[in-house]
């Protein structure tokens, strides 16, 4: 139910964040 997904912060730097996934 949780995954580490790539994301961008406000400065445009790429990072990884842990978030919960929806059932879909």
PDBML (XML) file of the C-alpha atoms, coordinates in Angstrom:
<?xml version="1.0" encoding="UTF-8" ?>
<PDBx:datablock datablockName="MODEL"
   xmlns:PDBx="http://pdbml.pdb.org/schema/pdbx-v50.xsd"
   xmlns:xsi="http://www.w3.org/2001/XMLSchema-instance"
   xsi:schemaLocation="http://pdbml.pdb.org/schema/pdbx-v50.xsd pdbx-v50.xsd">
   <PDBx:atom_siteCategory>
      <PDBx:atom_site id="1">
         <PDBx:B_iso_or_equiv>0.00</PDBx:B_iso_or_equiv>
         <PDBx:Cartn_x>0.000</PDBx:Cartn_x>
         <PDBx:Cartn_y>0.000</PDBx:Cartn_y>
         <PDBx:Cartn_z>0.000</PDBx:Cartn_z>
         <PDBx:auth_asym_id>A</PDBx:auth_asym_id>
         <PDBx:auth_atom_id>CA</PDBx:auth_atom_id>
         <PDBx:auth_comp_id>UNK</PDBx:auth_comp_id>
         <PDBx:auth_seq_id>1</PDBx:auth_seq_id>
         <PDBx:group_PDB>ATOM</PDBx:group_PDB>
         <PDBx:label_alt_id xsi:nil="true" />
         <PDBx:label_asym_id>A</PDBx:label_asym_id>
         <PDBx:label_atom_id>CA</PDBx:label_atom_id>
         <PDBx:label_comp_id>UNK</PDBx:label_comp_id>
         <PDBx:label_entity_id>1</PDBx:label_entity_id>
         <PDBx:label_seq_id>1</PDBx:label_seq_id>
         <PDBx:occupancy>1.00</PDBx:occupancy>
         <PDBx:pdbx_PDB_model_num>1</PDBx:pdbx_PDB_model_num>
         <PDBx:type_symbol>C</PDBx:type_symbol>
      </PDBx:atom_site>
      <PDBx:atom_site id="2">
         <PDBx:B_iso_or_equiv>0.00</PDBx:B_iso_or_equiv>
         <PDBx:Cartn_x>3.032</PDBx:Cartn_x>
         <PDBx:Cartn_y>2.317</PDBx:Cartn_y>
         <PDBx:Cartn_z>0.177</PDBx:Cartn_z>
         <PDBx:auth_asym_id>A</PDBx:auth_asym_id>
         <PDBx:auth_atom_id>CA</PDBx:auth_atom_id>
         <PDBx:auth_comp_id>UNK</PDBx:auth_comp_id>
         <PDBx:auth_seq_id>2</PDBx:auth_seq_id>
         <PDBx:group_PDB>ATOM</PDBx:group_PDB>
         <PDBx:label_alt_id xsi:nil="true" />
         <PDBx:label_asym_id>A</PDBx:label_asym_id>
         <PDBx:label_atom_id>CA</PDBx:label_atom_id>
         <PDBx:label_comp_id>UNK</PDBx:label_comp_id>
         <PDBx:label_entity_id>1</PDBx:label_entity_id>
         <PDBx:label_seq_id>2</PDBx:label_seq_id>
         <PDBx:occupancy>1.00</PDBx:occupancy>
         <PDBx:pdbx_PDB_model_num>1</PDBx:pdbx_PDB_model_num>
         <PDBx:type_symbol>C</PDBx:type_symbol>
      </PDBx:atom_site>
      <PDBx:atom_site id="3">
         <PDBx:B_iso_or_equiv>0.00</PDBx:B_iso_or_equiv>
         <PDBx:Cartn_x>5.585</PDBx:Cartn_x>
         <PDBx:Cartn_y>3.054</PDBx:Cartn_y>
         <PDBx:Cartn_z>-2.529</PDBx:Cartn_z>
         <PDBx:auth_asym_id>A</PDBx:auth_asym_id>
         <PDBx:auth_atom_id>CA</PDBx:auth_atom_id>
         <PDBx:auth_comp_id>UNK</PDBx:auth_comp_id>
         <PDBx:auth_seq_id>3</PDBx:auth_seq_id>
         <PDBx:group_PDB>ATOM</PDBx:group_PDB>
         <PDBx:label_alt_id xsi:nil="true" />
         <PDBx:label_asym_id>A</PDBx:label_asym_id>
         <PDBx:label_atom_id>CA</PDBx:label_atom_id>
         <PDBx:label_comp_id>UNK</PDBx:label_comp_id>
         <PDBx:label_entity_id>1</PDBx:label_entity_id>
         <PDBx:label_seq_id>3</PDBx:label_seq_id>
         <PDBx:occupancy>1.00</PDBx:occupancy>
         <PDBx:pdbx_PDB_model_num>1</PDBx:pdbx_PDB_model_num>
         <PDBx:type_symbol>C</PDBx:type_symbol>
      </PDBx:atom_site>
      <PDBx:atom_site id="4">
         <PDBx:B_iso_or_equiv>0.00</PDBx:B_iso_or_equiv>
         <PDBx:Cartn_x>8.605</PDBx:Cartn_x>
         <PDBx:Cartn_y>5.232</PDBx:Cartn_y>
         <PDBx:Cartn_z>-3.079</PDBx:Cartn_z>
         <PDBx:auth_asym_id>A</PDBx:auth_asym_id>
         <PDBx:auth_atom_id>CA</PDBx:auth_atom_id>
         <PDBx:auth_comp_id>UNK</PDBx:auth_comp_id>
         <PDBx:auth_seq_id>4</PDBx:auth_seq_id>
         <PDBx:group_PDB>ATOM</PDBx:group_PDB>
         <PDBx:label_alt_id xsi:nil="true" />
         <PDBx:label_asym_id>A</PDBx:label_asym_id>
         <PDBx:label_atom_id>CA</PDBx:label_atom_id>
         <PDBx:label_comp_id>UNK</PDBx:label_comp_id>
         <PDBx:label_entity_id>1</PDBx:label_entity_id>
         <PDBx:label_seq_id>4</PDBx:label_seq_id>
         <PDBx:occupancy>1.00</PDBx:occupancy>
         <PDBx:pdbx_PDB_model_num>1</PDBx:pdbx_PDB_model_num>
         <PDBx:type_symbol>C</PDBx:type_symbol>
      </PDBx:atom_site>
      <PDBx:atom_site id="5">
         <PDBx:B_iso_or_equiv>0.00</PDBx:B_iso_or_equiv>
         <PDBx:Cartn_x>7.841</PDBx:Cartn_x>
         <PDBx:Cartn_y>7.381</PDBx:Cartn_y>
         <PDBx:Cartn_z>-6.094</PDBx:Cartn_z>
         <PDBx:auth_asym_id>A</PDBx:auth_asym_id>
         <PDBx:auth_atom_id>CA</PDBx:auth_atom_id>
         <PDBx:auth_comp_id>UNK</PDBx:auth_comp_id>
         <PDBx:auth_seq_id>5</PDBx:auth_seq_id>
         <PDBx:group_PDB>ATOM</PDBx:group_PDB>
         <PDBx:label_alt_id xsi:nil="true" />
         <PDBx:label_asym_id>A</PDBx:label_asym_id>
         <PDBx:label_atom_id>CA</PDBx:label_atom_id>
         <PDBx:label_comp_id>UNK</PDBx:label_comp_id>
         <PDBx:label_entity_id>1</PDBx:label_entity_id>
         <PDBx:label_seq_id>5</PDBx:label_seq_id>
         <PDBx:occupancy>1.00</PDBx:occupancy>
         <PDBx:pdbx_PDB_model_num>1</PDBx:pdbx_PDB_model_num>
         <PDBx:type_symbol>C</PDBx:type_symbol>
      </PDBx:atom_site>
      <PDBx:atom_site id="6">
         <PDBx:B_iso_or_equiv>0.00</PDBx:B_iso_or_equiv>
         <PDBx:Cartn_x>9.954</PDBx:Cartn_x>
         <PDBx:Cartn_y>9.927</PDBx:Cartn_y>
         <PDBx:Cartn_z>-7.953</PDBx:Cartn_z>
         <PDBx:auth_asym_id>A</PDBx:auth_asym_id>
         <PDBx:auth_atom_id>CA</PDBx:auth_atom_id>
         <PDBx:auth_comp_id>UNK</PDBx:auth_comp_id>
         <PDBx:auth_seq_id>6</PDBx:auth_seq_id>
         <PDBx:group_PDB>ATOM</PDBx:group_PDB>
         <PDBx:label_alt_id xsi:nil="true" />
         <PDBx:label_asym_id>A</PDBx:label_asym_id>
         <PDBx:label_atom_id>CA</PDBx:label_atom_id>
         <PDBx:label_comp_id>UNK</PDBx:label_comp_id>
         <PDBx:label_entity_id>1</PDBx:label_entity_id>
         <PDBx:label_seq_id>6</PDBx:label_seq_id>
         <PDBx:occupancy>1.00</PDBx:occupancy>
         <PDBx:pdbx_PDB_model_num>1</PDBx:pdbx_PDB_model_num>
         <PDBx:type_symbol>C</PDBx:type_symbol>
      </PDBx:atom_site>
      <PDBx:atom_site id="7">
         <PDBx:B_iso_or_equiv>0.00</PDBx:B_iso_or_equiv>
         <PDBx:Cartn_x>8.888</PDBx:Cartn_x>
         <PDBx:Cartn_y>13.539</PDBx:Cartn_y>
         <PDBx:Cartn_z>-7.441</PDBx:Cartn_z>
         <PDBx:auth_asym_id>A</PDBx:auth_asym_id>
         <PDBx:auth_atom_id>CA</PDBx:auth_atom_id>
         <PDBx:auth_comp_id>UNK</PDBx:auth_comp_id>
         <PDBx:auth_seq_id>7</PDBx:auth_seq_id>
         <PDBx:group_PDB>ATOM</PDBx:group_PDB>
         <PDBx:label_alt_id xsi:nil="true" />
         <PDBx:label_asym_id>A</PDBx:label_asym_id>
         <PDBx:label_atom_id>CA</PDBx:label_atom_id>
         <PDBx:label_comp_id>UNK</PDBx:label_comp_id>
         <PDBx:label_entity_id>1</PDBx:label_entity_id>
         <PDBx:label_seq_id>7</PDBx:label_seq_id>
         <PDBx:occupancy>1.00</PDBx:occupancy>
         <PDBx:pdbx_PDB_model_num>1</PDBx:pdbx_PDB_model_num>
         <PDBx:type_symbol>C</PDBx:type_symbol>
      </PDBx:atom_site>
      <PDBx:atom_site id="8">
         <PDBx:B_iso_or_equiv>0.00</PDBx:B_iso_or_equiv>
         <PDBx:Cartn_x>10.188</PDBx:Cartn_x>
         <PDBx:Cartn_y>17.065</PDBx:Cartn_y>
         <PDBx:Cartn_z>-8.060</PDBx:Cartn_z>
         <PDBx:auth_asym_id>A</PDBx:auth_asym_id>
         <PDBx:auth_atom_id>CA</PDBx:auth_atom_id>
         <PDBx:auth_comp_id>UNK</PDBx:auth_comp_id>
         <PDBx:auth_seq_id>8</PDBx:auth_seq_id>
         <PDBx:group_PDB>ATOM</PDBx:group_PDB>
         <PDBx:label_alt_id xsi:nil="true" />
         <PDBx:label_asym_id>A</PDBx:label_asym_id>
         <PDBx:label_atom_id>CA</PDBx:label_atom_id>
         <PDBx:label_comp_id>UNK</PDBx:label_comp_id>
         <PDBx:label_entity_id>1</PDBx:label_entity_id>
         <PDBx:label_seq_id>8</PDBx:label_seq_id>
         <PDBx:occupancy>1.00</PDBx:occupancy>
         <PDBx:pdbx_PDB_model_num>1</PDBx:pdbx_PDB_model_num>
         <PDBx:type_symbol>C</PDBx:type_symbol>
      </PDBx:atom_site>
      <PDBx:atom_site id="9">
         <PDBx:B_iso_or_equiv>0.00</PDBx:B_iso_or_equiv>
         <PDBx:Cartn_x>10.506</PDBx:Cartn_x>
         <PDBx:Cartn_y>19.693</PDBx:Cartn_y>
         <PDBx:Cartn_z>-5.364</PDBx:Cartn_z>
         <PDBx:auth_asym_id>A</PDBx:auth_asym_id>
         <PDBx:auth_atom_id>CA</PDBx:auth_atom_id>
         <PDBx:auth_comp_id>UNK</PDBx:auth_comp_id>
         <PDBx:auth_seq_id>9</PDBx:auth_seq_id>
         <PDBx:group_PDB>ATOM</PDBx:group_PDB>
         <PDBx:label_alt_id xsi:nil="true" />
         <PDBx:label_asym_id>A</PDBx:label_asym_id>
         <PDBx:label_atom_id>CA</PDBx:label_atom_id>
         <PDBx:label_comp_id>UNK</PDBx:label_comp_id>
         <PDBx:label_entity_id>1</PDBx:label_entity_id>
         <PDBx:label_seq_id>9</PDBx:label_seq_id>
         <PDBx:occupancy>1.00</PDBx:occupancy>
         <PDBx:pdbx_PDB_model_num>1</PDBx:pdbx_PDB_model_num>
         <PDBx:type_symbol>C</PDBx:type_symbol>
      </PDBx:atom_site>
      <PDBx:atom_site id="10">
         <PDBx:B_iso_or_equiv>0.00</PDBx:B_iso_or_equiv>
         <PDBx:Cartn_x>9.779</PDBx:Cartn_x>
         <PDBx:Cartn_y>23.403</PDBx:Cartn_y>
         <PDBx:Cartn_z>-5.852</PDBx:Cartn_z>
         <PDBx:auth_asym_id>A</PDBx:auth_asym_id>
         <PDBx:auth_atom_id>CA</PDBx:auth_atom_id>
         <PDBx:auth_comp_id>UNK</PDBx:auth_comp_id>
         <PDBx:auth_seq_id>10</PDBx:auth_seq_id>
         <PDBx:group_PDB>ATOM</PDBx:group_PDB>
         <PDBx:label_alt_id xsi:nil="true" />
         <PDBx:label_asym_id>A</PDBx:label_asym_id>
         <PDBx:label_atom_id>CA</PDBx:label_atom_id>
         <PDBx:label_comp_id>UNK</PDBx:label_comp_id>
         <PDBx:label_entity_id>1</PDBx:label_entity_id>
         <PDBx:label_seq_id>10</PDBx:label_seq_id>
         <PDBx:occupancy>1.00</PDBx:occupancy>
         <PDBx:pdbx_PDB_model_num>1</PDBx:pdbx_PDB_model_num>
         <PDBx:type_symbol>C</PDBx:type_symbol>
      </PDBx:atom_site>
      <PDBx:atom_site id="11">
         <PDBx:B_iso_or_equiv>0.00</PDBx:B_iso_or_equiv>
         <PDBx:Cartn_x>13.305</PDBx:Cartn_x>
         <PDBx:Cartn_y>24.097</PDBx:Cartn_y>
         <PDBx:Cartn_z>-7.156</PDBx:Cartn_z>
         <PDBx:auth_asym_id>A</PDBx:auth_asym_id>
         <PDBx:auth_atom_id>CA</PDBx:auth_atom_id>
         <PDBx:auth_comp_id>UNK</PDBx:auth_comp_id>
         <PDBx:auth_seq_id>11</PDBx:auth_seq_id>
         <PDBx:group_PDB>ATOM</PDBx:group_PDB>
         <PDBx:label_alt_id xsi:nil="true" />
         <PDBx:label_asym_id>A</PDBx:label_asym_id>
         <PDBx:label_atom_id>CA</PDBx:label_atom_id>
         <PDBx:label_comp_id>UNK</PDBx:label_comp_id>
         <PDBx:label_entity_id>1</PDBx:label_entity_id>
         <PDBx:label_seq_id>11</PDBx:label_seq_id>
         <PDBx:occupancy>1.00</PDBx:occupancy>
         <PDBx:pdbx_PDB_model_num>1</PDBx:pdbx_PDB_model_num>
         <PDBx:type_symbol>C</PDBx:type_symbol>
      </PDBx:atom_site>
      <PDBx:atom_site id="12">
         <PDBx:B_iso_or_equiv>0.00</PDBx:B_iso_or_equiv>
         <PDBx:Cartn_x>12.983</PDBx:Cartn_x>
         <PDBx:Cartn_y>21.395</PDBx:Cartn_y>
         <PDBx:Cartn_z>-9.856</PDBx:Cartn_z>
         <PDBx:auth_asym_id>A</PDBx:auth_asym_id>
         <PDBx:auth_atom_id>CA</PDBx:auth_atom_id>
         <PDBx:auth_comp_id>UNK</PDBx:auth_comp_id>
         <PDBx:auth_seq_id>12</PDBx:auth_seq_id>
         <PDBx:group_PDB>ATOM</PDBx:group_PDB>
         <PDBx:label_alt_id xsi:nil="true" />
         <PDBx:label_asym_id>A</PDBx:label_asym_id>
         <PDBx:label_atom_id>CA</PDBx:label_atom_id>
         <PDBx:label_comp_id>UNK</PDBx:label_comp_id>
         <PDBx:label_entity_id>1</PDBx:label_entity_id>
         <PDBx:label_seq_id>12</PDBx:label_seq_id>
         <PDBx:occupancy>1.00</PDBx:occupancy>
         <PDBx:pdbx_PDB_model_num>1</PDBx:pdbx_PDB_model_num>
         <PDBx:type_symbol>C</PDBx:type_symbol>
      </PDBx:atom_site>
      <PDBx:atom_site id="13">
         <PDBx:B_iso_or_equiv>0.00</PDBx:B_iso_or_equiv>
         <PDBx:Cartn_x>15.278</PDBx:Cartn_x>
         <PDBx:Cartn_y>18.916</PDBx:Cartn_y>
         <PDBx:Cartn_z>-8.121</PDBx:Cartn_z>
         <PDBx:auth_asym_id>A</PDBx:auth_asym_id>
         <PDBx:auth_atom_id>CA</PDBx:auth_atom_id>
         <PDBx:auth_comp_id>UNK</PDBx:auth_comp_id>
         <PDBx:auth_seq_id>13</PDBx:auth_seq_id>
         <PDBx:group_PDB>ATOM</PDBx:group_PDB>
         <PDBx:label_alt_id xsi:nil="true" />
         <PDBx:label_asym_id>A</PDBx:label_asym_id>
         <PDBx:label_atom_id>CA</PDBx:label_atom_id>
         <PDBx:label_comp_id>UNK</PDBx:label_comp_id>
         <PDBx:label_entity_id>1</PDBx:label_entity_id>
         <PDBx:label_seq_id>13</PDBx:label_seq_id>
         <PDBx:occupancy>1.00</PDBx:occupancy>
         <PDBx:pdbx_PDB_model_num>1</PDBx:pdbx_PDB_model_num>
         <PDBx:type_symbol>C</PDBx:type_symbol>
      </PDBx:atom_site>
      <PDBx:atom_site id="14">
         <PDBx:B_iso_or_equiv>0.00</PDBx:B_iso_or_equiv>
         <PDBx:Cartn_x>14.262</PDBx:Cartn_x>
         <PDBx:Cartn_y>15.295</PDBx:Cartn_y>
         <PDBx:Cartn_z>-8.350</PDBx:Cartn_z>
         <PDBx:auth_asym_id>A</PDBx:auth_asym_id>
         <PDBx:auth_atom_id>CA</PDBx:auth_atom_id>
         <PDBx:auth_comp_id>UNK</PDBx:auth_comp_id>
         <PDBx:auth_seq_id>14</PDBx:auth_seq_id>
         <PDBx:group_PDB>ATOM</PDBx:group_PDB>
         <PDBx:label_alt_id xsi:nil="true" />
         <PDBx:label_asym_id>A</PDBx:label_asym_id>
         <PDBx:label_atom_id>CA</PDBx:label_atom_id>
         <PDBx:label_comp_id>UNK</PDBx:label_comp_id>
         <PDBx:label_entity_id>1</PDBx:label_entity_id>
         <PDBx:label_seq_id>14</PDBx:label_seq_id>
         <PDBx:occupancy>1.00</PDBx:occupancy>
         <PDBx:pdbx_PDB_model_num>1</PDBx:pdbx_PDB_model_num>
         <PDBx:type_symbol>C</PDBx:type_symbol>
      </PDBx:atom_site>
      <PDBx:atom_site id="15">
         <PDBx:B_iso_or_equiv>0.00</PDBx:B_iso_or_equiv>
         <PDBx:Cartn_x>13.741</PDBx:Cartn_x>
         <PDBx:Cartn_y>13.366</PDBx:Cartn_y>
         <PDBx:Cartn_z>-5.154</PDBx:Cartn_z>
         <PDBx:auth_asym_id>A</PDBx:auth_asym_id>
         <PDBx:auth_atom_id>CA</PDBx:auth_atom_id>
         <PDBx:auth_comp_id>UNK</PDBx:auth_comp_id>
         <PDBx:auth_seq_id>15</PDBx:auth_seq_id>
         <PDBx:group_PDB>ATOM</PDBx:group_PDB>
         <PDBx:label_alt_id xsi:nil="true" />
         <PDBx:label_asym_id>A</PDBx:label_asym_id>
         <PDBx:label_atom_id>CA</PDBx:label_atom_id>
         <PDBx:label_comp_id>UNK</PDBx:label_comp_id>
         <PDBx:label_entity_id>1</PDBx:label_entity_id>
         <PDBx:label_seq_id>15</PDBx:label_seq_id>
         <PDBx:occupancy>1.00</PDBx:occupancy>
         <PDBx:pdbx_PDB_model_num>1</PDBx:pdbx_PDB_model_num>
         <PDBx:type_symbol>C</PDBx:type_symbol>
      </PDBx:atom_site>
      <PDBx:atom_site id="16">
         <PDBx:B_iso_or_equiv>0.00</PDBx:B_iso_or_equiv>
         <PDBx:Cartn_x>11.895</PDBx:Cartn_x>
         <PDBx:Cartn_y>10.313</PDBx:Cartn_y>
         <PDBx:Cartn_z>-3.919</PDBx:Cartn_z>
         <PDBx:auth_asym_id>A</PDBx:auth_asym_id>
         <PDBx:auth_atom_id>CA</PDBx:auth_atom_id>
         <PDBx:auth_comp_id>UNK</PDBx:auth_comp_id>
         <PDBx:auth_seq_id>16</PDBx:auth_seq_id>
         <PDBx:group_PDB>ATOM</PDBx:group_PDB>
         <PDBx:label_alt_id xsi:nil="true" />
         <PDBx:label_asym_id>A</PDBx:label_asym_id>
         <PDBx:label_atom_id>CA</PDBx:label_atom_id>
         <PDBx:label_comp_id>UNK</PDBx:label_comp_id>
         <PDBx:label_entity_id>1</PDBx:label_entity_id>
         <PDBx:label_seq_id>16</PDBx:label_seq_id>
         <PDBx:occupancy>1.00</PDBx:occupancy>
         <PDBx:pdbx_PDB_model_num>1</PDBx:pdbx_PDB_model_num>
         <PDBx:type_symbol>C</PDBx:type_symbol>
      </PDBx:atom_site>
      <PDBx:atom_site id="17">
         <PDBx:B_iso_or_equiv>0.00</PDBx:B_iso_or_equiv>
         <PDBx:Cartn_x>8.943</PDBx:Cartn_x>
         <PDBx:Cartn_y>10.392</PDBx:Cartn_y>
         <PDBx:Cartn_z>-1.604</PDBx:Cartn_z>
         <PDBx:auth_asym_id>A</PDBx:auth_asym_id>
         <PDBx:auth_atom_id>CA</PDBx:auth_atom_id>
         <PDBx:auth_comp_id>UNK</PDBx:auth_comp_id>
         <PDBx:auth_seq_id>17</PDBx:auth_seq_id>
         <PDBx:group_PDB>ATOM</PDBx:group_PDB>
         <PDBx:label_alt_id xsi:nil="true" />
         <PDBx:label_asym_id>A</PDBx:label_asym_id>
         <PDBx:label_atom_id>CA</PDBx:label_atom_id>
         <PDBx:label_comp_id>UNK</PDBx:label_comp_id>
         <PDBx:label_entity_id>1</PDBx:label_entity_id>
         <PDBx:label_seq_id>17</PDBx:label_seq_id>
         <PDBx:occupancy>1.00</PDBx:occupancy>
         <PDBx:pdbx_PDB_model_num>1</PDBx:pdbx_PDB_model_num>
         <PDBx:type_symbol>C</PDBx:type_symbol>
      </PDBx:atom_site>
      <PDBx:atom_site id="18">
         <PDBx:B_iso_or_equiv>0.00</PDBx:B_iso_or_equiv>
         <PDBx:Cartn_x>7.085</PDBx:Cartn_x>
         <PDBx:Cartn_y>7.695</PDBx:Cartn_y>
         <PDBx:Cartn_z>0.245</PDBx:Cartn_z>
         <PDBx:auth_asym_id>A</PDBx:auth_asym_id>
         <PDBx:auth_atom_id>CA</PDBx:auth_atom_id>
         <PDBx:auth_comp_id>UNK</PDBx:auth_comp_id>
         <PDBx:auth_seq_id>18</PDBx:auth_seq_id>
         <PDBx:group_PDB>ATOM</PDBx:group_PDB>
         <PDBx:label_alt_id xsi:nil="true" />
         <PDBx:label_asym_id>A</PDBx:label_asym_id>
         <PDBx:label_atom_id>CA</PDBx:label_atom_id>
         <PDBx:label_comp_id>UNK</PDBx:label_comp_id>
         <PDBx:label_entity_id>1</PDBx:label_entity_id>
         <PDBx:label_seq_id>18</PDBx:label_seq_id>
         <PDBx:occupancy>1.00</PDBx:occupancy>
         <PDBx:pdbx_PDB_model_num>1</PDBx:pdbx_PDB_model_num>
         <PDBx:type_symbol>C</PDBx:type_symbol>
      </PDBx:atom_site>
      <PDBx:atom_site id="19">
         <PDBx:B_iso_or_equiv>0.00</PDBx:B_iso_or_equiv>
         <PDBx:Cartn_x>3.333</PDBx:Cartn_x>
         <PDBx:Cartn_y>7.890</PDBx:Cartn_y>
         <PDBx:Cartn_z>-0.182</PDBx:Cartn_z>
         <PDBx:auth_asym_id>A</PDBx:auth_asym_id>
         <PDBx:auth_atom_id>CA</PDBx:auth_atom_id>
         <PDBx:auth_comp_id>UNK</PDBx:auth_comp_id>
         <PDBx:auth_seq_id>19</PDBx:auth_seq_id>
         <PDBx:group_PDB>ATOM</PDBx:group_PDB>
         <PDBx:label_alt_id xsi:nil="true" />
         <PDBx:label_asym_id>A</PDBx:label_asym_id>
         <PDBx:label_atom_id>CA</PDBx:label_atom_id>
         <PDBx:label_comp_id>UNK</PDBx:label_comp_id>
         <PDBx:label_entity_id>1</PDBx:label_entity_id>
         <PDBx:label_seq_id>19</PDBx:label_seq_id>
         <PDBx:occupancy>1.00</PDBx:occupancy>
         <PDBx:pdbx_PDB_model_num>1</PDBx:pdbx_PDB_model_num>
         <PDBx:type_symbol>C</PDBx:type_symbol>
      </PDBx:atom_site>
      <PDBx:atom_site id="20">
         <PDBx:B_iso_or_equiv>0.00</PDBx:B_iso_or_equiv>
         <PDBx:Cartn_x>0.295</PDBx:Cartn_x>
         <PDBx:Cartn_y>5.670</PDBx:Cartn_y>
         <PDBx:Cartn_z>0.131</PDBx:Cartn_z>
         <PDBx:auth_asym_id>A</PDBx:auth_asym_id>
         <PDBx:auth_atom_id>CA</PDBx:auth_atom_id>
         <PDBx:auth_comp_id>UNK</PDBx:auth_comp_id>
         <PDBx:auth_seq_id>20</PDBx:auth_seq_id>
         <PDBx:group_PDB>ATOM</PDBx:group_PDB>
         <PDBx:label_alt_id xsi:nil="true" />
         <PDBx:label_asym_id>A</PDBx:label_asym_id>
         <PDBx:label_atom_id>CA</PDBx:label_atom_id>
         <PDBx:label_comp_id>UNK</PDBx:label_comp_id>
         <PDBx:label_entity_id>1</PDBx:label_entity_id>
         <PDBx:label_seq_id>20</PDBx:label_seq_id>
         <PDBx:occupancy>1.00</PDBx:occupancy>
         <PDBx:pdbx_PDB_model_num>1</PDBx:pdbx_PDB_model_num>
         <PDBx:type_symbol>C</PDBx:type_symbol>
      </PDBx:atom_site>
      <PDBx:atom_site id="21">
         <PDBx:B_iso_or_equiv>0.00</PDBx:B_iso_or_equiv>
         <PDBx:Cartn_x>-1.173</PDBx:Cartn_x>
         <PDBx:Cartn_y>4.250</PDBx:Cartn_y>
         <PDBx:Cartn_z>-3.079</PDBx:Cartn_z>
         <PDBx:auth_asym_id>A</PDBx:auth_asym_id>
         <PDBx:auth_atom_id>CA</PDBx:auth_atom_id>
         <PDBx:auth_comp_id>UNK</PDBx:auth_comp_id>
         <PDBx:auth_seq_id>21</PDBx:auth_seq_id>
         <PDBx:group_PDB>ATOM</PDBx:group_PDB>
         <PDBx:label_alt_id xsi:nil="true" />
         <PDBx:label_asym_id>A</PDBx:label_asym_id>
         <PDBx:label_atom_id>CA</PDBx:label_atom_id>
         <PDBx:label_comp_id>UNK</PDBx:label_comp_id>
         <PDBx:label_entity_id>1</PDBx:label_entity_id>
         <PDBx:label_seq_id>21</PDBx:label_seq_id>
         <PDBx:occupancy>1.00</PDBx:occupancy>
         <PDBx:pdbx_PDB_model_num>1</PDBx:pdbx_PDB_model_num>
         <PDBx:type_symbol>C</PDBx:type_symbol>
      </PDBx:atom_site>
      <PDBx:atom_site id="22">
         <PDBx:B_iso_or_equiv>0.00</PDBx:B_iso_or_equiv>
         <PDBx:Cartn_x>-4.873</PDBx:Cartn_x>
         <PDBx:Cartn_y>4.258</PDBx:Cartn_y>
         <PDBx:Cartn_z>-3.806</PDBx:Cartn_z>
         <PDBx:auth_asym_id>A</PDBx:auth_asym_id>
         <PDBx:auth_atom_id>CA</PDBx:auth_atom_id>
         <PDBx:auth_comp_id>UNK</PDBx:auth_comp_id>
         <PDBx:auth_seq_id>22</PDBx:auth_seq_id>
         <PDBx:group_PDB>ATOM</PDBx:group_PDB>
         <PDBx:label_alt_id xsi:nil="true" />
         <PDBx:label_asym_id>A</PDBx:label_asym_id>
         <PDBx:label_atom_id>CA</PDBx:label_atom_id>
         <PDBx:label_comp_id>UNK</PDBx:label_comp_id>
         <PDBx:label_entity_id>1</PDBx:label_entity_id>
         <PDBx:label_seq_id>22</PDBx:label_seq_id>
         <PDBx:occupancy>1.00</PDBx:occupancy>
         <PDBx:pdbx_PDB_model_num>1</PDBx:pdbx_PDB_model_num>
         <PDBx:type_symbol>C</PDBx:type_symbol>
      </PDBx:atom_site>
      <PDBx:atom_site id="23">
         <PDBx:B_iso_or_equiv>0.00</PDBx:B_iso_or_equiv>
         <PDBx:Cartn_x>-6.630</PDBx:Cartn_x>
         <PDBx:Cartn_y>0.958</PDBx:Cartn_y>
         <PDBx:Cartn_z>-4.405</PDBx:Cartn_z>
         <PDBx:auth_asym_id>A</PDBx:auth_asym_id>
         <PDBx:auth_atom_id>CA</PDBx:auth_atom_id>
         <PDBx:auth_comp_id>UNK</PDBx:auth_comp_id>
         <PDBx:auth_seq_id>23</PDBx:auth_seq_id>
         <PDBx:group_PDB>ATOM</PDBx:group_PDB>
         <PDBx:label_alt_id xsi:nil="true" />
         <PDBx:label_asym_id>A</PDBx:label_asym_id>
         <PDBx:label_atom_id>CA</PDBx:label_atom_id>
         <PDBx:label_comp_id>UNK</PDBx:label_comp_id>
         <PDBx:label_entity_id>1</PDBx:label_entity_id>
         <PDBx:label_seq_id>23</PDBx:label_seq_id>
         <PDBx:occupancy>1.00</PDBx:occupancy>
         <PDBx:pdbx_PDB_model_num>1</PDBx:pdbx_PDB_model_num>
         <PDBx:type_symbol>C</PDBx:type_symbol>
      </PDBx:atom_site>
      <PDBx:atom_site id="24">
         <PDBx:B_iso_or_equiv>0.00</PDBx:B_iso_or_equiv>
         <PDBx:Cartn_x>-6.838</PDBx:Cartn_x>
         <PDBx:Cartn_y>1.771</PDBx:Cartn_y>
         <PDBx:Cartn_z>-8.144</PDBx:Cartn_z>
         <PDBx:auth_asym_id>A</PDBx:auth_asym_id>
         <PDBx:auth_atom_id>CA</PDBx:auth_atom_id>
         <PDBx:auth_comp_id>UNK</PDBx:auth_comp_id>
         <PDBx:auth_seq_id>24</PDBx:auth_seq_id>
         <PDBx:group_PDB>ATOM</PDBx:group_PDB>
         <PDBx:label_alt_id xsi:nil="true" />
         <PDBx:label_asym_id>A</PDBx:label_asym_id>
         <PDBx:label_atom_id>CA</PDBx:label_atom_id>
         <PDBx:label_comp_id>UNK</PDBx:label_comp_id>
         <PDBx:label_entity_id>1</PDBx:label_entity_id>
         <PDBx:label_seq_id>24</PDBx:label_seq_id>
         <PDBx:occupancy>1.00</PDBx:occupancy>
         <PDBx:pdbx_PDB_model_num>1</PDBx:pdbx_PDB_model_num>
         <PDBx:type_symbol>C</PDBx:type_symbol>
      </PDBx:atom_site>
   </PDBx:atom_siteCategory>
</PDBx:datablock>
